[in-house]
């Protein structure tokens, strides 16, 4: 049975009441990284193309495509890593497991109780 089946998701929602909010946050994080990939690749391609036409450097034309794609991938990775960390912190705070705002001594006491 796949983990995306309705029965499996209902079990997750029963166990973790804020799962839907976390799932929406993760979805938004992935869409943001896709947008970052597209925009960073497109903008860096246009900049490299303009630079290439104006100064005519002695570089391989493959870098005109590979450079922006690599820059877009790096940008998308940074965006998704940041947003995913924020989603995880939000979910843990909502589930009252721990929070960035909770002092370390209080988190240690909560761990000892369980």
Protein backbone atom coordinates (compact mmCIF):
# COMPACT_ATOMS: atom_id res chain seq x y z
CA UNK A 1 0.00 0.00 0.00
CA UNK A 2 1.42 3.40 -0.90
CA UNK A 3 2.03 6.06 1.71
CA UNK A 4 -0.14 8.54 -0.20
CA UNK A 5 -3.31 6.49 0.08
CA UNK A 6 -6.20 8.16 1.91
CA UNK A 7 -6.15 5.53 4.65
CA UNK A 8 -2.44 6.11 5.29
CA UNK A 9 -2.88 9.86 5.36
CA UNK A 10 -5.79 9.59 7.78
CA UNK A 11 -3.57 7.59 10.09
CA UNK A 12 -0.92 10.28 9.90
CA UNK A 13 -3.49 12.99 10.61
CA UNK A 14 -4.72 11.07 13.66
CA UNK A 15 -1.17 10.64 14.94
CA UNK A 16 -0.01 14.15 13.97
CA UNK A 17 -2.92 16.64 13.98
CA UNK A 18 -0.98 19.36 12.14
CA UNK A 19 0.17 17.13 9.28
CA UNK A 20 -1.97 18.93 6.68
CA UNK A 21 -0.38 22.27 7.56
CA UNK A 22 3.08 20.73 7.30
CA UNK A 23 2.20 19.11 3.98
CA UNK A 24 0.98 22.46 2.58
CA UNK A 25 4.15 24.15 3.81
CA UNK A 26 6.34 21.51 2.14
CA UNK A 27 4.36 21.82 -1.08
CA UNK A 28 4.88 25.57 -1.04
CA UNK A 29 8.61 25.06 -0.37
CA UNK A 30 8.96 22.79 -3.39
CA UNK A 31 7.01 25.17 -5.62
CA UNK A 32 9.20 28.05 -4.45
CA UNK A 33 12.34 26.11 -5.31
CA UNK A 34 10.95 25.30 -8.76
CA UNK A 35 10.28 28.99 -9.32
CA UNK A 36 13.79 29.83 -8.06
CA UNK A 37 15.28 27.31 -10.49
CA UNK A 38 13.41 28.81 -13.41
CA UNK A 39 14.04 32.46 -12.57
CA UNK A 40 17.72 32.07 -11.58
CA UNK A 41 18.48 30.06 -14.71
CA UNK A 42 16.65 32.48 -16.94
CA UNK A 43 18.18 35.63 -15.44
CA UNK A 44 21.71 34.27 -15.39
CA UNK A 45 21.33 33.04 -19.00
CA UNK A 46 20.28 36.50 -20.12
CA UNK A 47 23.15 38.11 -18.22
CA UNK A 48 25.72 35.65 -19.61
CA UNK A 49 24.34 36.04 -23.11
CA UNK A 50 24.58 39.84 -22.92
CA UNK A 51 28.10 39.59 -21.49
CA UNK A 52 29.07 37.11 -24.22
CA UNK A 53 27.74 39.34 -27.02
CA UNK A 54 29.33 42.51 -25.70
CA UNK A 55 32.81 41.30 -24.71
CA UNK A 56 33.10 38.15 -26.86
CA UNK A 57 35.27 36.19 -24.39
CA UNK A 58 37.14 33.12 -25.55
CA UNK A 59 35.02 30.53 -23.70
CA UNK A 60 33.15 27.47 -24.82
CA UNK A 61 29.53 28.13 -25.83
CA UNK A 62 28.40 25.15 -23.71
CA UNK A 63 28.96 27.31 -20.63
CA UNK A 64 26.29 29.67 -21.93
CA UNK A 65 23.77 26.94 -21.08
CA UNK A 66 25.54 24.93 -18.38
CA UNK A 67 26.45 27.92 -16.21
CA UNK A 68 22.91 29.24 -15.76
CA UNK A 69 21.54 25.75 -15.18
CA UNK A 70 24.11 25.09 -12.45
CA UNK A 71 23.40 28.48 -10.90
CA UNK A 72 19.65 27.77 -11.02
CA UNK A 73 20.08 24.38 -9.38
CA UNK A 74 22.23 25.87 -6.62
CA UNK A 75 19.68 28.64 -6.04
CA UNK A 76 16.80 26.16 -5.92
CA UNK A 77 18.69 23.99 -3.43
CA UNK A 78 19.33 26.93 -1.12
CA UNK A 79 15.67 27.99 -1.29
CA UNK A 80 14.26 24.51 -0.63
CA UNK A 81 16.71 23.85 2.21
CA UNK A 82 15.77 27.10 3.96
CA UNK A 83 12.03 26.68 3.49
CA UNK A 84 12.07 22.99 4.49
CA UNK A 85 13.91 23.85 7.70
CA UNK A 86 11.28 26.50 8.43
CA UNK A 87 8.50 23.96 7.80
CA UNK A 88 10.12 21.43 10.11
CA UNK A 89 10.52 24.00 12.88
CA UNK A 90 6.91 25.11 12.43
CA UNK A 91 5.61 21.55 12.59
CA UNK A 92 7.64 20.65 15.66
CA UNK A 93 6.42 23.79 17.41
CA UNK A 94 2.80 23.05 16.46
CA UNK A 95 3.11 19.46 17.69
CA UNK A 96 4.74 20.81 20.85
CA UNK A 97 7.76 18.54 20.46
CA UNK A 98 10.21 21.39 20.67
CA UNK A 99 10.55 24.87 19.37
CA UNK A 100 13.36 27.16 18.49
CA UNK A 101 11.95 29.44 21.17
CA UNK A 102 11.88 26.72 23.86
CA UNK A 103 14.94 26.89 26.14
CA UNK A 104 17.33 23.93 25.97
CA UNK A 105 16.78 23.04 29.64
CA UNK A 106 13.02 22.80 29.09
CA UNK A 107 13.51 20.59 26.02
CA UNK A 108 15.80 18.30 28.03
CA UNK A 109 13.18 18.04 30.78
CA UNK A 110 10.51 17.17 28.17
CA UNK A 111 12.76 14.40 26.79
CA UNK A 112 13.30 12.92 30.25
CA UNK A 113 9.53 12.68 30.82
CA UNK A 114 9.07 10.49 27.74
